[in-house]
Amino acid sequence: QVQLVESGGGLVQPGGSLTLQCEASGSNVIFETMSWYRQAPGEQRELVATITTGSHTYYTASVQGRFTISRVNARNTAYLQMNNLKPEDTAVYLCHGLHFGNDFWGGGTQVTVSS
């Protein structure tokens, strides 16, 4: 059974940085895409960034230039480097992996941006 586990969230001041990690365990599955989503209280889940096995990336407009997604295929691990964080980035960040049409989700890690 594949499991995705996120880490690296926390409380940070506006303008600060955090790096999130998503590690897959329980299988040798290599996800065609790995993504980070976020969900703020009372809001819909939002796609933040996606990366393919070939390292092609996509970012939602609000994080372009501030966030960087990366992955290490051999370790089945994805990262989200977040710089210049803003209060509106506050949310639970969830890792997603796609494999042959099947969706895999982590439990999420809380990111709070506040002074």
C-alpha atoms as a PDB file:
ATOM      1  CA  GLN A   1       0.000   0.000   0.000  1.00  0.00           C
ATOM      2  CA  VAL A   2       1.481   3.290  -1.123  1.00  0.00           C
ATOM      3  CA  GLN A   3       1.552   6.053   1.470  1.00  0.00           C
ATOM      4  CA  LEU A   4       2.485   9.697   1.012  1.00  0.00           C
ATOM      5  CA  VAL A   5       3.751  11.547   4.070  1.00  0.00           C
ATOM      6  CA  GLU A   6       4.325  15.293   4.145  1.00  0.00           C
ATOM      7  CA  SER A   7       6.653  17.160   6.492  1.00  0.00           C
ATOM      8  CA  GLY A   8       8.184  20.598   6.877  1.00  0.00           C
ATOM      9  CA  GLY A   9       5.180  22.759   7.658  1.00  0.00           C
ATOM     10  CA  GLY A  10       5.086  25.261  10.482  1.00  0.00           C
ATOM     11  CA  LEU A  11       4.656  28.870  11.506  1.00  0.00           C
ATOM     12  CA  VAL A  12       6.660  31.484   9.624  1.00  0.00           C
ATOM     13  CA  GLN A  13       6.612  35.279   9.408  1.00  0.00           C
ATOM     14  CA  PRO A  14       5.625  37.048   6.192  1.00  0.00           C
ATOM     15  CA  GLY A  15       8.585  37.098   3.832  1.00  0.00           C
ATOM     16  CA  GLY A  16       9.994  33.914   5.322  1.00  0.00           C
ATOM     17  CA  SER A  17      10.701  30.539   3.745  1.00  0.00           C
ATOM     18  CA  LEU A  18       9.767  26.910   4.279  1.00  0.00           C
ATOM     19  CA  THR A  19      10.553  23.683   2.455  1.00  0.00           C
ATOM     20  CA  LEU A  20       7.938  20.946   2.363  1.00  0.00           C
ATOM     21  CA  GLN A  21       8.822  17.313   1.727  1.00  0.00           C
ATOM     22  CA  CYS A  22       6.590  14.515   0.458  1.00  0.00           C
ATOM     23  CA  GLU A  23       7.921  10.992   0.773  1.00  0.00           C
ATOM     24  CA  ALA A  24       6.263   7.919  -0.715  1.00  0.00           C
ATOM     25  CA  SER A  25       6.636   4.582   1.013  1.00  0.00           C
ATOM     26  CA  GLY A  26       5.283   1.062   0.765  1.00  0.00           C
ATOM     27  CA  SER A  27       5.908   0.538  -2.925  1.00  0.00           C
ATOM     28  CA  ASN A  28       8.319   1.077  -5.782  1.00  0.00           C
ATOM     29  CA  VAL A  29       5.655   3.037  -7.655  1.00  0.00           C
ATOM     30  CA  ILE A  30       7.049   5.975  -9.603  1.00  0.00           C
ATOM     31  CA  PHE A  31       4.325   8.583  -9.932  1.00  0.00           C
ATOM     32  CA  GLU A  32       3.837  10.057 -13.392  1.00  0.00           C
ATOM     33  CA  THR A  33       3.168  13.374 -11.677  1.00  0.00           C
ATOM     34  CA  MET A  34       3.642  14.605  -8.136  1.00  0.00           C
ATOM     35  CA  SER A  35       1.795  17.700  -7.027  1.00  0.00           C
ATOM     36  CA  TRP A  36       1.237  19.979  -4.099  1.00  0.00           C
ATOM     37  CA  TYR A  37      -2.264  21.199  -3.320  1.00  0.00           C
ATOM     38  CA  ARG A  38      -3.407  23.471  -0.528  1.00  0.00           C
ATOM     39  CA  GLN A  39      -6.669  24.049   1.274  1.00  0.00           C
ATOM     40  CA  ALA A  40      -7.452  27.008   3.485  1.00  0.00           C
ATOM     41  CA  PRO A  41     -10.373  26.966   5.943  1.00  0.00           C
ATOM     42  CA  GLY A  42     -13.649  27.409   4.093  1.00  0.00           C
ATOM     43  CA  GLU A  43     -11.925  27.293   0.710  1.00  0.00           C
ATOM     44  CA  GLN A  44     -11.736  24.714  -2.044  1.00  0.00           C
ATOM     45  CA  ARG A  45      -8.623  22.627  -2.515  1.00  0.00           C
ATOM     46  CA  GLU A  46      -6.266  24.411  -4.915  1.00  0.00           C
ATOM     47  CA  LEU A  47      -3.498  23.015  -7.110  1.00  0.00           C
ATOM     48  CA  VAL A  48      -0.252  24.810  -6.250  1.00  0.00           C
ATOM     49  CA  ALA A  49       2.402  23.063  -8.348  1.00  0.00           C
ATOM     50  CA  THR A  50       2.993  19.889 -10.364  1.00  0.00           C
ATOM     51  CA  ILE A  51       6.111  18.109 -11.579  1.00  0.00           C
ATOM     52  CA  THR A  52       6.435  15.204 -13.999  1.00  0.00           C
ATOM     53  CA  THR A  53       9.029  12.443 -14.023  1.00  0.00           C
ATOM     54  CA  GLY A  54      10.787  14.469 -16.707  1.00  0.00           C
ATOM     55  CA  SER A  55      10.846  17.501 -14.393  1.00  0.00           C
ATOM     56  CA  HIS A  56       8.353  19.534 -16.380  1.00  0.00           C
ATOM     57  CA  THR A  57       6.638  21.884 -13.953  1.00  0.00           C
ATOM     58  CA  TYR A  58       3.447  23.888 -13.572  1.00  0.00           C
ATOM     59  CA  TYR A  59       2.655  26.586 -10.994  1.00  0.00           C
ATOM     60  CA  THR A  60      -0.523  28.395 -10.179  1.00  0.00           C
ATOM     61  CA  ALA A  61      -0.165  32.103 -10.904  1.00  0.00           C
ATOM     62  CA  SER A  62      -0.210  33.243  -7.280  1.00  0.00           C
ATOM     63  CA  VAL A  63       2.978  31.310  -6.408  1.00  0.00           C
ATOM     64  CA  GLN A  64       4.900  31.749  -9.686  1.00  0.00           C
ATOM     65  CA  GLY A  65       8.377  33.064  -8.940  1.00  0.00           C
ATOM     66  CA  ARG A  66       8.118  32.344  -5.213  1.00  0.00           C
ATOM     67  CA  PHE A  67       7.667  28.563  -5.009  1.00  0.00           C
ATOM     68  CA  THR A  68       9.795  25.822  -6.579  1.00  0.00           C
ATOM     69  CA  ILE A  69       8.733  22.197  -6.911  1.00  0.00           C
ATOM     70  CA  SER A  70      11.306  19.448  -7.350  1.00  0.00           C
ATOM     71  CA  ARG A  71      11.545  15.680  -7.047  1.00  0.00           C
ATOM     72  CA  VAL A  72      14.037  12.879  -6.670  1.00  0.00           C
ATOM     73  CA  ASN A  73      12.599   9.958  -8.621  1.00  0.00           C
ATOM     74  CA  ALA A  74      14.981   7.390  -7.149  1.00  0.00           C
ATOM     75  CA  ARG A  75      13.742   8.296  -3.663  1.00  0.00           C
ATOM     76  CA  ASN A  76      10.123   8.855  -4.713  1.00  0.00           C
ATOM     77  CA  THR A  77      10.240  12.173  -2.917  1.00  0.00           C
ATOM     78  CA  ALA A  78       8.950  15.602  -3.890  1.00  0.00           C
ATOM     79  CA  TYR A  79       9.760  18.973  -2.400  1.00  0.00           C
ATOM     80  CA  LEU A  80       8.179  22.406  -2.385  1.00  0.00           C
ATOM     81  CA  GLN A  81      10.534  25.295  -1.666  1.00  0.00           C
ATOM     82  CA  MET A  82       8.426  28.295  -0.622  1.00  0.00           C
ATOM     83  CA  ASN A  83      10.011  31.751  -0.473  1.00  0.00           C
ATOM     84  CA  ASN A  84       8.608  35.192   0.278  1.00  0.00           C
ATOM     85  CA  LEU A  85       5.636  33.655   2.015  1.00  0.00           C
ATOM     86  CA  LYS A  86       2.488  35.730   2.415  1.00  0.00           C
ATOM     87  CA  PRO A  87      -0.408  35.442   4.878  1.00  0.00           C
ATOM     88  CA  GLU A  88      -2.627  34.259   2.019  1.00  0.00           C
ATOM     89  CA  ASP A  89      -0.361  31.201   1.650  1.00  0.00           C
ATOM     90  CA  THR A  90      -1.682  29.933   4.980  1.00  0.00           C
ATOM     91  CA  ALA A  91      -3.295  26.527   4.402  1.00  0.00           C
ATOM     92  CA  VAL A  92      -2.937  22.808   4.817  1.00  0.00           C
ATOM     93  CA  TYR A  93      -0.582  21.625   2.080  1.00  0.00           C
ATOM     94  CA  LEU A  94      -1.238  18.169   0.661  1.00  0.00           C
ATOM     95  CA  CYS A  95       0.930  15.978  -1.530  1.00  0.00           C
ATOM     96  CA  HIS A  96      -0.625  14.128  -4.461  1.00  0.00           C
ATOM     97  CA  GLY A  97       0.753  11.380  -6.660  1.00  0.00           C
ATOM     98  CA  LEU A  98      -0.769  10.094  -9.906  1.00  0.00           C
ATOM     99  CA  HIS A  99      -0.014   6.570 -11.085  1.00  0.00           C
ATOM    100  CA  PHE A 100      -1.855   4.918 -13.990  1.00  0.00           C
ATOM    101  CA  GLY A 101      -4.953   6.993 -13.314  1.00  0.00           C
ATOM    102  CA  ASN A 102      -4.963   6.309  -9.580  1.00  0.00           C
ATOM    103  CA  ASP A 103      -4.810   9.184  -7.104  1.00  0.00           C
ATOM    104  CA  PHE A 104      -2.748   8.995  -3.944  1.00  0.00           C
ATOM    105  CA  TRP A 105      -2.929  11.660  -1.217  1.00  0.00           C
ATOM    106  CA  GLY A 106      -0.962  12.484   1.871  1.00  0.00           C
ATOM    107  CA  GLY A 107      -2.568  13.649   5.107  1.00  0.00           C
ATOM    108  CA  GLY A 108      -1.282  17.219   4.804  1.00  0.00           C
ATOM    109  CA  THR A 109       0.987  19.575   6.696  1.00  0.00           C
ATOM    110  CA  GLN A 110      -0.079  22.942   8.106  1.00  0.00           C
ATOM    111  CA  VAL A 111       1.631  26.117   6.903  1.00  0.00           C
ATOM    112  CA  THR A 112       0.805  29.300   8.791  1.00  0.00           C
ATOM    113  CA  VAL A 113       2.182  32.676   7.695  1.00  0.00           C
ATOM    114  CA  SER A 114       1.657  35.279  10.372  1.00  0.00           C
ATOM    115  CA  SER A 115       3.507  37.979  12.260  1.00  0.00           C
END
